Amino acid sequence: MTGAISNPRRGLRLRLSCLVALEGAGHRWTLQTDDVGHHGCCVATPAALAPGAPLGVTVRCPKTGAPLTVRATVAWCTPREPWRVGLSYAAEDHGASASWFDEVAGLHLGEFQEKHDPVPDRLPLTARLRIGAFQAAEALRDEEAALLELALRRATLREVVGEMAPSWTAGQRALMTMLGRGRVALELEPGEAPPPDRAGAGERG
């Protein structure tokens, strides 16, 4: 392993509750988003959805006029309840979705400045995890509970990866989500900065 963890969520995300209509994979739901981005969103769903499943998506956000209507696929789904899915918009709709998100971000500028995903592209393995703004009443998935225990111990990210290795894909996603929401935070060694990312390395839309 290299000396850093790459953040697979390279685009900015706005943690905003928008009305979203999903249709496909045998379901028709009207739900709320957990967050929205240029090319996708995250949604809590009543049931699991298979990665790769195609969906029709219409998102309406506060203060905006026209909704965003796009085709999407399920990028990921949590392995157990509470079900959360990441939706990736179809490439041919990226122009429309990026313009729509820029409008949303501009209309929610204060919230955007406070709530966009602050996680850097690469996280040094020597950084230590600590508890952030966690609320005891929050429902946690197994990976999130494990990360909180590691944060209480102020484990390094190297130790985090080692202990969560059997399910690191889910663990990495939970880590980035909890960092982005401020539930956990990182402490760098004195004088240390996240290592620069190589151009295009591991980049995702």
N, C-alpha and C. Protein backbone atom coordinates (compact mmCIF):
# COMPACT_ATOMS: atom_id res chain seq x y z
N MET A 1 0.84 -1.19 0.00
CA MET A 1 0.00 0.00 0.00
C MET A 1 0.87 1.24 0.00
N THR A 2 0.42 2.27 -0.71
CA THR A 2 1.15 3.54 -0.72
C THR A 2 0.97 4.24 0.61
N GLY A 3 1.57 5.44 0.75
CA GLY A 3 1.51 6.16 2.01
C GLY A 3 0.25 6.97 2.20
N ALA A 4 -0.77 6.75 1.42
CA ALA A 4 -1.99 7.55 1.55
C ALA A 4 -3.19 6.76 1.05
N ILE A 5 -4.36 7.15 1.53
CA ILE A 5 -5.63 6.61 1.04
C ILE A 5 -6.22 7.61 0.06
N SER A 6 -6.65 7.15 -1.09
CA SER A 6 -7.27 8.04 -2.06
C SER A 6 -8.75 8.18 -1.74
N ASN A 7 -9.25 9.39 -1.91
CA ASN A 7 -10.67 9.65 -1.74
C ASN A 7 -11.38 9.35 -3.06
N PRO A 8 -12.25 8.31 -3.09
CA PRO A 8 -12.91 7.97 -4.36
C PRO A 8 -13.99 8.98 -4.75
N ARG A 9 -14.37 9.87 -3.82
CA ARG A 9 -15.40 10.86 -4.12
C ARG A 9 -14.71 12.19 -4.39
N ARG A 10 -14.30 12.37 -5.65
CA ARG A 10 -13.47 13.52 -5.98
C ARG A 10 -14.28 14.81 -6.16
N GLY A 11 -15.56 14.69 -6.52
CA GLY A 11 -16.35 15.89 -6.75
C GLY A 11 -16.93 16.44 -5.46
N LEU A 12 -17.23 17.74 -5.45
CA LEU A 12 -17.86 18.35 -4.29
C LEU A 12 -19.27 17.82 -4.13
N ARG A 13 -19.69 17.68 -2.88
CA ARG A 13 -21.04 17.26 -2.55
C ARG A 13 -21.67 18.28 -1.63
N LEU A 14 -22.95 18.56 -1.85
CA LEU A 14 -23.71 19.45 -1.00
C LEU A 14 -24.70 18.61 -0.21
N ARG A 15 -24.58 18.64 1.10
CA ARG A 15 -25.49 17.86 1.93
C ARG A 15 -26.80 18.62 2.05
N LEU A 16 -27.71 18.29 1.15
CA LEU A 16 -28.96 19.01 1.01
C LEU A 16 -30.09 18.01 0.81
N SER A 17 -31.17 18.22 1.53
CA SER A 17 -32.33 17.33 1.40
C SER A 17 -33.21 17.84 0.27
N CYS A 18 -33.19 17.09 -0.83
CA CYS A 18 -34.00 17.42 -2.01
C CYS A 18 -35.01 16.31 -2.24
N LEU A 19 -36.12 16.67 -2.81
CA LEU A 19 -37.13 15.68 -3.17
C LEU A 19 -36.66 14.94 -4.42
N VAL A 20 -36.61 13.61 -4.36
CA VAL A 20 -36.13 12.84 -5.50
C VAL A 20 -37.12 11.72 -5.81
N ALA A 21 -37.51 11.64 -7.07
CA ALA A 21 -38.39 10.57 -7.54
C ALA A 21 -37.54 9.54 -8.29
N LEU A 22 -37.61 8.29 -7.85
CA LEU A 22 -36.87 7.19 -8.48
C LEU A 22 -37.85 6.21 -9.10
N GLU A 23 -37.55 5.78 -10.31
CA GLU A 23 -38.38 4.79 -10.96
C GLU A 23 -37.50 3.80 -11.72
N GLY A 24 -37.70 2.51 -11.43
CA GLY A 24 -36.93 1.47 -12.08
C GLY A 24 -36.63 0.34 -11.11
N ALA A 25 -36.08 -0.75 -11.63
CA ALA A 25 -35.75 -1.93 -10.83
C ALA A 25 -36.97 -2.42 -10.05
N GLY A 26 -38.16 -2.24 -10.63
CA GLY A 26 -39.38 -2.71 -9.99
C GLY A 26 -39.91 -1.81 -8.89
N HIS A 27 -39.40 -0.59 -8.79
CA HIS A 27 -39.81 0.30 -7.71
C HIS A 27 -40.20 1.67 -8.27
N ARG A 28 -41.03 2.36 -7.52
CA ARG A 28 -41.34 3.77 -7.79
C ARG A 28 -41.45 4.46 -6.44
N TRP A 29 -40.47 5.29 -6.12
CA TRP A 29 -40.39 5.92 -4.81
C TRP A 29 -40.24 7.43 -4.95
N THR A 30 -40.77 8.15 -3.96
CA THR A 30 -40.46 9.56 -3.77
C THR A 30 -39.76 9.70 -2.43
N LEU A 31 -38.50 10.16 -2.45
CA LEU A 31 -37.64 10.11 -1.27
C LEU A 31 -36.94 11.46 -1.09
N GLN A 32 -35.98 11.48 -0.16
CA GLN A 32 -35.16 12.67 0.08
C GLN A 32 -33.69 12.30 -0.14
N THR A 33 -32.94 13.21 -0.73
CA THR A 33 -31.50 12.98 -0.91
C THR A 33 -30.76 13.21 0.41
N ASP A 34 -29.65 12.48 0.59
CA ASP A 34 -28.70 12.77 1.66
C ASP A 34 -27.72 13.85 1.21
N ASP A 35 -27.30 13.75 -0.04
CA ASP A 35 -26.43 14.77 -0.63
C ASP A 35 -26.59 14.75 -2.13
N VAL A 36 -26.14 15.84 -2.75
CA VAL A 36 -26.19 15.94 -4.22
C VAL A 36 -24.84 16.44 -4.71
N GLY A 37 -24.49 16.06 -5.93
CA GLY A 37 -23.25 16.49 -6.55
C GLY A 37 -23.46 16.78 -8.02
N HIS A 38 -22.36 17.07 -8.72
CA HIS A 38 -22.45 17.38 -10.14
C HIS A 38 -22.99 16.20 -10.95
N HIS A 39 -22.58 15.00 -10.59
CA HIS A 39 -22.88 13.85 -11.43
C HIS A 39 -23.53 12.70 -10.67
N GLY A 40 -24.11 12.99 -9.51
CA GLY A 40 -24.76 11.93 -8.77
C GLY A 40 -25.34 12.43 -7.47
N CYS A 41 -25.98 11.53 -6.74
CA CYS A 41 -26.55 11.86 -5.44
C CYS A 41 -26.60 10.60 -4.59
N CYS A 42 -26.86 10.80 -3.31
CA CYS A 42 -26.99 9.69 -2.37
C CYS A 42 -28.38 9.76 -1.77
N VAL A 43 -29.03 8.59 -1.64
CA VAL A 43 -30.41 8.53 -1.19
C VAL A 43 -30.59 7.36 -0.22
N ALA A 44 -31.38 7.58 0.83
CA ALA A 44 -31.81 6.49 1.70
C ALA A 44 -33.06 5.87 1.08
N THR A 45 -33.06 4.55 0.91
CA THR A 45 -34.16 3.87 0.21
C THR A 45 -34.84 2.85 1.12
N PRO A 46 -36.10 2.50 0.83
CA PRO A 46 -36.81 1.52 1.65
C PRO A 46 -36.29 0.10 1.49
N ALA A 47 -35.57 -0.17 0.41
CA ALA A 47 -35.08 -1.51 0.13
C ALA A 47 -33.74 -1.42 -0.58
N ALA A 48 -33.02 -2.53 -0.62
CA ALA A 48 -31.74 -2.56 -1.31
C ALA A 48 -31.94 -2.49 -2.82
N LEU A 49 -30.96 -1.90 -3.51
CA LEU A 49 -30.95 -1.85 -4.97
C LEU A 49 -29.63 -2.44 -5.45
N ALA A 50 -29.67 -3.21 -6.52
CA ALA A 50 -28.47 -3.86 -7.03
C ALA A 50 -27.59 -2.86 -7.77
N PRO A 51 -26.29 -2.85 -7.48
CA PRO A 51 -25.38 -2.00 -8.25
C PRO A 51 -25.51 -2.27 -9.75
N GLY A 52 -25.54 -1.21 -10.52
CA GLY A 52 -25.70 -1.33 -11.96
C GLY A 52 -27.14 -1.22 -12.43
N ALA A 53 -28.11 -1.26 -11.51
CA ALA A 53 -29.51 -1.17 -11.90
C ALA A 53 -29.81 0.21 -12.49
N PRO A 54 -30.50 0.26 -13.63
CA PRO A 54 -30.84 1.56 -14.25
C PRO A 54 -32.08 2.16 -13.59
N LEU A 55 -32.08 3.49 -13.45
CA LEU A 55 -33.20 4.20 -12.84
C LEU A 55 -33.47 5.49 -13.60
N GLY A 56 -34.72 5.91 -13.56
CA GLY A 56 -35.06 7.26 -13.95
C GLY A 56 -35.09 8.12 -12.69
N VAL A 57 -34.49 9.29 -12.73
CA VAL A 57 -34.33 10.13 -11.54
C VAL A 57 -34.79 11.55 -11.83
N THR A 58 -35.62 12.09 -10.95
CA THR A 58 -36.00 13.50 -11.01
C THR A 58 -35.76 14.11 -9.64
N VAL A 59 -34.93 15.15 -9.59
CA VAL A 59 -34.56 15.79 -8.33
C VAL A 59 -35.08 17.22 -8.31
N ARG A 60 -35.74 17.58 -7.22
CA ARG A 60 -36.20 18.95 -7.01
C ARG A 60 -35.61 19.45 -5.70
N CYS A 61 -34.90 20.57 -5.75
CA CYS A 61 -34.26 21.11 -4.56
C CYS A 61 -34.88 22.44 -4.18
N PRO A 62 -34.82 22.78 -2.86
CA PRO A 62 -35.35 24.07 -2.41
C PRO A 62 -34.72 25.22 -3.17
N LYS A 63 -35.53 26.22 -3.45
CA LYS A 63 -35.12 27.49 -4.07
C LYS A 63 -34.90 27.39 -5.57
N THR A 64 -34.89 26.19 -6.13
CA THR A 64 -34.67 26.06 -7.57
C THR A 64 -36.00 25.95 -8.30
N GLY A 65 -36.02 26.37 -9.54
CA GLY A 65 -37.23 26.30 -10.32
C GLY A 65 -37.37 24.95 -11.00
N ALA A 66 -36.63 24.74 -12.08
CA ALA A 66 -36.76 23.52 -12.87
C ALA A 66 -36.10 22.34 -12.15
N PRO A 67 -36.75 21.17 -12.16
CA PRO A 67 -36.12 19.99 -11.59
C PRO A 67 -35.07 19.42 -12.54
N LEU A 68 -34.26 18.54 -12.03
CA LEU A 68 -33.29 17.81 -12.84
C LEU A 68 -33.86 16.43 -13.13
N THR A 69 -33.99 16.09 -14.39
CA THR A 69 -34.47 14.76 -14.79
C THR A 69 -33.38 14.09 -15.61
N VAL A 70 -32.88 12.96 -15.11
CA VAL A 70 -31.76 12.27 -15.75
C VAL A 70 -31.96 10.76 -15.67
N ARG A 71 -31.16 10.06 -16.43
CA ARG A 71 -31.02 8.61 -16.27
C ARG A 71 -29.82 8.35 -15.37
N ALA A 72 -29.92 7.28 -14.60
CA ALA A 72 -28.85 7.00 -13.64
C ALA A 72 -28.72 5.50 -13.45
N THR A 73 -27.61 5.10 -12.85
CA THR A 73 -27.42 3.72 -12.43
C THR A 73 -27.04 3.72 -10.96
N VAL A 74 -27.30 2.61 -10.30
CA VAL A 74 -26.91 2.45 -8.90
C VAL A 74 -25.41 2.18 -8.87
N ALA A 75 -24.64 3.08 -8.27
CA ALA A 75 -23.19 2.91 -8.19
C ALA A 75 -22.81 1.99 -7.04
N TRP A 76 -23.53 2.10 -5.93
CA TRP A 76 -23.27 1.25 -4.77
C TRP A 76 -24.50 1.22 -3.88
N CYS A 77 -24.57 0.21 -3.04
CA CYS A 77 -25.65 0.08 -2.07
C CYS A 77 -25.07 -0.50 -0.79
N THR A 78 -25.50 0.01 0.34
CA THR A 78 -25.01 -0.54 1.61
C THR A 78 -25.40 -2.02 1.72
N PRO A 79 -24.58 -2.84 2.38
CA PRO A 79 -24.84 -4.28 2.43
C PRO A 79 -25.97 -4.68 3.37
N ARG A 80 -26.44 -3.73 4.19
CA ARG A 80 -27.52 -4.05 5.13
C ARG A 80 -28.25 -2.76 5.49
N GLU A 81 -29.38 -2.91 6.19
CA GLU A 81 -30.13 -1.73 6.62
C GLU A 81 -29.33 -0.91 7.63
N PRO A 82 -29.56 0.41 7.69
CA PRO A 82 -30.45 1.21 6.83
C PRO A 82 -29.89 1.33 5.42
N TRP A 83 -30.75 1.08 4.42
CA TRP A 83 -30.30 1.08 3.04
C TRP A 83 -29.99 2.48 2.56
N ARG A 84 -28.83 2.65 1.97
CA ARG A 84 -28.44 3.89 1.31
C ARG A 84 -27.81 3.53 -0.02
N VAL A 85 -28.12 4.28 -1.05
CA VAL A 85 -27.56 3.99 -2.37
C VAL A 85 -26.93 5.25 -2.94
N GLY A 86 -25.86 5.05 -3.70
CA GLY A 86 -25.24 6.11 -4.46
C GLY A 86 -25.68 6.00 -5.91
N LEU A 87 -26.15 7.08 -6.47
CA LEU A 87 -26.62 7.09 -7.86
C LEU A 87 -25.64 7.86 -8.72
N SER A 88 -25.28 7.28 -9.85
CA SER A 88 -24.38 7.92 -10.82
C SER A 88 -25.18 8.26 -12.06
N TYR A 89 -25.22 9.55 -12.41
CA TYR A 89 -26.00 9.97 -13.56
C TYR A 89 -25.33 9.50 -14.86
N ALA A 90 -26.14 9.25 -15.87
CA ALA A 90 -25.64 8.82 -17.18
C ALA A 90 -24.73 9.90 -17.76
N ALA A 91 -23.66 9.45 -18.42
CA ALA A 91 -22.65 10.37 -18.95
C ALA A 91 -23.27 11.40 -19.89
N GLU A 92 -24.26 10.99 -20.67
CA GLU A 92 -24.86 11.93 -21.62
C GLU A 92 -25.68 13.02 -20.92
N ASP A 93 -25.96 12.84 -19.64
CA ASP A 93 -26.71 13.85 -18.87
C ASP A 93 -25.79 14.71 -17.99
N HIS A 94 -24.48 14.50 -18.08
CA HIS A 94 -23.56 15.21 -17.20
C HIS A 94 -23.59 16.73 -17.41
N GLY A 95 -23.76 17.17 -18.64
CA GLY A 95 -23.81 18.61 -18.89
C GLY A 95 -24.99 19.25 -18.18
N ALA A 96 -26.15 18.62 -18.31
CA ALA A 96 -27.35 19.15 -17.66
C ALA A 96 -27.24 19.07 -16.14
N SER A 97 -26.71 17.96 -15.64
CA SER A 97 -26.64 17.80 -14.18
C SER A 97 -25.63 18.75 -13.57
N ALA A 98 -24.51 19.01 -14.26
CA ALA A 98 -23.50 19.94 -13.75
C ALA A 98 -24.06 21.36 -13.70
N SER A 99 -24.78 21.77 -14.74
CA SER A 99 -25.38 23.11 -14.76
C SER A 99 -26.41 23.25 -13.65
N TRP A 100 -27.21 22.21 -13.47
CA TRP A 100 -28.24 22.24 -12.41
C TRP A 100 -27.59 22.33 -11.03
N PHE A 101 -26.54 21.54 -10.81
CA PHE A 101 -25.87 21.56 -9.50
C PHE A 101 -25.22 22.91 -9.24
N ASP A 102 -24.62 23.52 -10.26
CA ASP A 102 -24.02 24.83 -10.07
C ASP A 102 -25.08 25.85 -9.64
N GLU A 103 -26.27 25.74 -10.21
CA GLU A 103 -27.36 26.63 -9.81
C GLU A 103 -27.75 26.37 -8.36
N VAL A 104 -27.88 25.10 -8.00
CA VAL A 104 -28.24 24.74 -6.62
C VAL A 104 -27.20 25.27 -5.64
N ALA A 105 -25.92 25.04 -5.96
CA ALA A 105 -24.85 25.49 -5.08
C ALA A 105 -24.86 27.01 -4.92
N GLY A 106 -25.12 27.73 -6.00
CA GLY A 106 -25.16 29.18 -5.92
C GLY A 106 -26.30 29.67 -5.06
N LEU A 107 -27.45 29.01 -5.13
CA LEU A 107 -28.62 29.43 -4.36
C LEU A 107 -28.50 29.05 -2.88
N HIS A 108 -27.65 28.09 -2.58
CA HIS A 108 -27.44 27.66 -1.20
C HIS A 108 -25.99 27.92 -0.81
N LEU A 109 -25.50 29.08 -1.17
CA LEU A 109 -24.08 29.37 -1.02
C LEU A 109 -23.60 29.20 0.42
N GLY A 110 -24.35 29.73 1.39
CA GLY A 110 -23.92 29.62 2.78
C GLY A 110 -23.83 28.18 3.22
N GLU A 111 -24.86 27.38 2.91
CA GLU A 111 -24.85 25.96 3.27
C GLU A 111 -23.73 25.24 2.54
N PHE A 112 -23.51 25.61 1.27
CA PHE A 112 -22.48 24.95 0.48
C PHE A 112 -21.10 25.18 1.08
N GLN A 113 -20.84 26.41 1.52
CA GLN A 113 -19.53 26.70 2.11
C GLN A 113 -19.31 25.93 3.39
N GLU A 114 -20.38 25.69 4.16
CA GLU A 114 -20.24 25.00 5.44
C GLU A 114 -20.28 23.49 5.29
N LYS A 115 -21.01 22.99 4.28
CA LYS A 115 -21.35 21.57 4.28
C LYS A 115 -20.75 20.77 3.14
N HIS A 116 -20.02 21.39 2.20
CA HIS A 116 -19.48 20.57 1.13
C HIS A 116 -18.41 19.63 1.67
N ASP A 117 -18.21 18.57 0.97
CA ASP A 117 -17.29 17.52 1.39
C ASP A 117 -15.88 18.09 1.55
N PRO A 118 -15.34 18.15 2.81
CA PRO A 118 -14.03 18.75 3.01
C PRO A 118 -12.90 17.75 2.94
N VAL A 119 -13.18 16.52 2.55
CA VAL A 119 -12.16 15.48 2.58
C VAL A 119 -11.19 15.68 1.43
N PRO A 120 -9.88 15.76 1.68
CA PRO A 120 -8.91 15.94 0.59
C PRO A 120 -8.84 14.69 -0.29
N ASP A 121 -8.20 14.85 -1.44
CA ASP A 121 -8.10 13.74 -2.39
C ASP A 121 -7.31 12.56 -1.82
N ARG A 122 -6.27 12.86 -1.01
CA ARG A 122 -5.42 11.80 -0.47
C ARG A 122 -5.18 12.04 1.01
N LEU A 123 -5.28 10.97 1.80
CA LEU A 123 -5.16 11.05 3.25
C LEU A 123 -3.94 10.25 3.69
N PRO A 124 -2.97 10.88 4.37
CA PRO A 124 -1.76 10.15 4.79
C PRO A 124 -2.07 9.09 5.82
N LEU A 125 -1.46 7.93 5.68
CA LEU A 125 -1.72 6.81 6.58
C LEU A 125 -1.25 7.08 8.00
N THR A 126 -0.39 8.08 8.20
CA THR A 126 0.09 8.42 9.54
C THR A 126 -0.89 9.31 10.29
N ALA A 127 -1.89 9.86 9.60
CA ALA A 127 -2.89 10.70 10.26
C ALA A 127 -3.70 9.87 11.24
N ARG A 128 -4.10 10.51 12.33
CA ARG A 128 -4.89 9.82 13.36
C ARG A 128 -6.36 10.23 13.28
N LEU A 129 -7.21 9.25 13.53
CA LEU A 129 -8.65 9.47 13.52
C LEU A 129 -9.10 9.89 14.91
N ARG A 130 -9.98 10.88 14.99
CA ARG A 130 -10.54 11.28 16.28
C ARG A 130 -12.03 11.55 16.13
N ILE A 131 -12.74 11.58 17.25
CA ILE A 131 -14.17 11.83 17.24
C ILE A 131 -14.44 13.28 16.83
N GLY A 132 -15.46 13.46 15.99
CA GLY A 132 -15.87 14.79 15.60
C GLY A 132 -17.20 15.15 16.22
N ALA A 133 -18.11 15.71 15.41
CA ALA A 133 -19.41 16.14 15.90
C ALA A 133 -20.39 14.99 15.82
N PHE A 134 -20.21 14.00 16.67
CA PHE A 134 -21.06 12.80 16.65
C PHE A 134 -22.20 12.95 17.64
N GLN A 135 -23.40 12.52 17.22
CA GLN A 135 -24.57 12.53 18.10
C GLN A 135 -24.89 11.11 18.51
N ALA A 136 -25.00 10.89 19.82
CA ALA A 136 -25.15 9.52 20.35
C ALA A 136 -26.41 8.83 19.83
N ALA A 137 -27.43 9.60 19.46
CA ALA A 137 -28.69 8.99 19.03
C ALA A 137 -28.67 8.51 17.58
N GLU A 138 -27.60 8.78 16.85
CA GLU A 138 -27.55 8.42 15.44
C GLU A 138 -27.51 6.90 15.25
N ALA A 139 -28.27 6.43 14.24
CA ALA A 139 -28.20 5.02 13.87
C ALA A 139 -26.94 4.79 13.04
N LEU A 140 -26.19 3.74 13.39
CA LEU A 140 -24.91 3.49 12.73
C LEU A 140 -24.91 2.11 12.08
N ARG A 141 -24.27 2.03 10.91
CA ARG A 141 -23.99 0.73 10.31
C ARG A 141 -22.74 0.16 10.97
N ASP A 142 -22.48 -1.11 10.70
CA ASP A 142 -21.35 -1.79 11.35
C ASP A 142 -20.04 -1.06 11.09
N GLU A 143 -19.80 -0.65 9.83
CA GLU A 143 -18.54 0.01 9.49
C GLU A 143 -18.41 1.34 10.22
N GLU A 144 -19.52 2.07 10.35
CA GLU A 144 -19.48 3.36 11.03
C GLU A 144 -19.20 3.19 12.52
N ALA A 145 -19.82 2.17 13.14
CA ALA A 145 -19.56 1.90 14.55
C ALA A 145 -18.09 1.51 14.77
N ALA A 146 -17.55 0.72 13.85
CA ALA A 146 -16.14 0.32 13.96
C ALA A 146 -15.23 1.53 13.84
N LEU A 147 -15.55 2.46 12.94
CA LEU A 147 -14.74 3.66 12.78
C LEU A 147 -14.79 4.54 14.03
N LEU A 148 -15.95 4.62 14.67
CA LEU A 148 -16.04 5.41 15.90
C LEU A 148 -15.18 4.80 17.01
N GLU A 149 -15.17 3.46 17.11
CA GLU A 149 -14.32 2.81 18.10
C GLU A 149 -12.85 3.10 17.82
N LEU A 150 -12.47 3.07 16.55
CA LEU A 150 -11.09 3.37 16.18
C LEU A 150 -10.76 4.84 16.45
N ALA A 151 -11.73 5.72 16.24
CA ALA A 151 -11.51 7.14 16.52
C ALA A 151 -11.33 7.38 18.02
N LEU A 152 -12.06 6.64 18.84
CA LEU A 152 -11.89 6.77 20.29
C LEU A 152 -10.48 6.37 20.72
N ARG A 153 -9.90 5.41 19.99
CA ARG A 153 -8.53 4.98 20.28
C ARG A 153 -7.49 5.88 19.63
N ARG A 154 -7.96 6.84 18.80
CA ARG A 154 -7.08 7.71 18.02
C ARG A 154 -6.12 6.88 17.16
N ALA A 155 -6.70 5.90 16.48
CA ALA A 155 -5.92 5.01 15.62
C ALA A 155 -5.42 5.77 14.40
N THR A 156 -4.26 5.36 13.88
CA THR A 156 -3.78 5.92 12.62
C THR A 156 -4.59 5.32 11.48
N LEU A 157 -4.57 5.99 10.34
CA LEU A 157 -5.28 5.43 9.19
C LEU A 157 -4.67 4.10 8.75
N ARG A 158 -3.38 3.92 8.97
CA ARG A 158 -2.77 2.63 8.66
C ARG A 158 -3.41 1.53 9.50
N GLU A 159 -3.65 1.83 10.78
CA GLU A 159 -4.30 0.86 11.67
C GLU A 159 -5.76 0.65 11.27
N VAL A 160 -6.42 1.73 10.85
CA VAL A 160 -7.81 1.63 10.40
C VAL A 160 -7.92 0.68 9.22
N VAL A 161 -7.04 0.87 8.23
CA VAL A 161 -7.06 0.00 7.05
C VAL A 161 -6.80 -1.44 7.44
N GLY A 162 -5.82 -1.66 8.31
CA GLY A 162 -5.49 -3.02 8.73
C GLY A 162 -6.64 -3.72 9.42
N GLU A 163 -7.33 -3.02 10.31
CA GLU A 163 -8.41 -3.65 11.07
C GLU A 163 -9.67 -3.84 10.24
N MET A 164 -9.86 -2.99 9.22
CA MET A 164 -11.07 -3.09 8.40
C MET A 164 -10.81 -3.76 7.06
N ALA A 165 -9.61 -4.35 6.91
CA ALA A 165 -9.20 -4.91 5.62
C ALA A 165 -10.21 -5.90 5.02
N PRO A 166 -10.83 -6.79 5.81
CA PRO A 166 -11.74 -7.75 5.19
C PRO A 166 -12.92 -7.10 4.46
N SER A 167 -13.32 -5.90 4.88
CA SER A 167 -14.44 -5.22 4.22
C SER A 167 -14.05 -3.77 3.92
N TRP A 168 -12.83 -3.59 3.36
CA TRP A 168 -12.31 -2.24 3.20
C TRP A 168 -13.10 -1.39 2.22
N THR A 169 -13.70 -1.98 1.20
CA THR A 169 -14.48 -1.17 0.26
C THR A 169 -15.59 -0.44 0.98
N ALA A 170 -16.35 -1.18 1.80
CA ALA A 170 -17.41 -0.55 2.59
C ALA A 170 -16.82 0.35 3.66
N GLY A 171 -15.68 -0.04 4.23
CA GLY A 171 -15.05 0.77 5.26
C GLY A 171 -14.55 2.09 4.71
N GLN A 172 -13.96 2.07 3.51
CA GLN A 172 -13.47 3.31 2.90
C GLN A 172 -14.62 4.26 2.61
N ARG A 173 -15.72 3.71 2.10
CA ARG A 173 -16.88 4.56 1.82
C ARG A 173 -17.41 5.18 3.11
N ALA A 174 -17.50 4.37 4.18
CA ALA A 174 -17.98 4.89 5.46
C ALA A 174 -17.03 5.95 6.01
N LEU A 175 -15.72 5.74 5.86
CA LEU A 175 -14.74 6.71 6.34
C LEU A 175 -14.92 8.05 5.64
N MET A 176 -15.02 8.04 4.30
CA MET A 176 -15.16 9.29 3.58
C MET A 176 -16.47 9.99 3.92
N THR A 177 -17.54 9.21 4.10
CA THR A 177 -18.83 9.80 4.46
C THR A 177 -18.76 10.44 5.84
N MET A 178 -18.17 9.73 6.81
CA MET A 178 -18.12 10.26 8.17
C MET A 178 -17.17 11.45 8.28
N LEU A 179 -16.09 11.44 7.52
CA LEU A 179 -15.22 12.61 7.47
C LEU A 179 -15.95 13.80 6.85
N GLY A 180 -16.65 13.55 5.75
CA GLY A 180 -17.37 14.61 5.06
C GLY A 180 -18.45 15.23 5.92
N ARG A 181 -19.06 14.43 6.80
CA ARG A 181 -20.13 14.94 7.66
C ARG A 181 -19.61 15.43 9.01
N GLY A 182 -18.30 15.33 9.21
CA GLY A 182 -17.72 15.82 10.46
C GLY A 182 -17.93 14.90 11.64
N ARG A 183 -18.38 13.67 11.41
CA ARG A 183 -18.60 12.74 12.52
C ARG A 183 -17.28 12.26 13.10
N VAL A 184 -16.28 12.15 12.25
CA VAL A 184 -14.91 11.90 12.69
C VAL A 184 -14.02 12.92 12.00
N ALA A 185 -12.80 13.09 12.53
CA ALA A 185 -11.87 14.06 11.95
C ALA A 185 -10.47 13.46 11.97
N LEU A 186 -9.55 14.12 11.26
CA LEU A 186 -8.18 13.65 11.17
C LEU A 186 -7.24 14.61 11.88
N GLU A 187 -6.22 14.06 12.50
CA GLU A 187 -5.13 14.84 13.08
C GLU A 187 -3.85 14.47 12.36
N LEU A 188 -3.24 15.44 11.68
CA LEU A 188 -1.99 15.19 10.97
C LEU A 188 -0.82 15.35 11.93
N GLU A 189 0.28 14.68 11.61
CA GLU A 189 1.51 14.88 12.37
C GLU A 189 1.99 16.32 12.17
N PRO A 190 2.67 16.91 13.17
CA PRO A 190 3.15 18.30 13.02
C PRO A 190 3.94 18.49 11.73
N GLY A 191 3.56 19.50 10.97
CA GLY A 191 4.26 19.82 9.73
C GLY A 191 3.88 18.94 8.56
N GLU A 192 2.95 18.01 8.78
CA GLU A 192 2.57 17.09 7.71
C GLU A 192 1.38 17.64 6.94
N ALA A 193 1.40 17.43 5.63
CA ALA A 193 0.28 17.81 4.77
C ALA A 193 -0.09 16.60 3.93
N PRO A 194 -1.35 16.50 3.50
CA PRO A 194 -1.71 15.39 2.63
C PRO A 194 -0.81 15.36 1.40
N PRO A 195 -0.28 14.20 1.01
CA PRO A 195 0.61 14.12 -0.15
C PRO A 195 -0.11 14.53 -1.41
N PRO A 196 0.58 15.18 -2.34
CA PRO A 196 -0.08 15.60 -3.58
C PRO A 196 -0.52 14.40 -4.39
N ASP A 197 -1.66 14.56 -5.01
CA ASP A 197 -2.17 13.49 -5.86
C ASP A 197 -1.52 13.59 -7.22
N ARG A 198 -1.30 12.44 -7.84
CA ARG A 198 -0.80 12.46 -9.21
C ARG A 198 -1.93 12.81 -10.14
N ALA A 199 -1.64 13.56 -11.17
CA ALA A 199 -2.68 14.01 -12.10
C ALA A 199 -3.41 12.82 -12.66
N GLY A 200 -4.75 12.82 -12.40
CA GLY A 200 -5.59 11.79 -12.99
C GLY A 200 -5.56 10.48 -12.24
N ALA A 201 -4.74 10.32 -11.19
CA ALA A 201 -4.63 9.02 -10.52
C ALA A 201 -5.90 8.75 -9.75
N GLY A 202 -6.53 7.65 -10.10
CA GLY A 202 -7.74 7.23 -9.38
C GLY A 202 -8.91 8.18 -9.54
N GLU A 203 -8.90 9.05 -10.52
CA GLU A 203 -9.93 10.08 -10.62
C GLU A 203 -11.26 9.48 -11.05
N ARG A 204 -12.32 10.03 -10.41
CA ARG A 204 -13.65 9.66 -10.77
C ARG A 204 -14.45 10.93 -10.96
N GLY A 205 -15.51 10.83 -11.77
CA GLY A 205 -16.32 12.00 -12.01
C GLY A 205 -17.19 12.39 -10.83
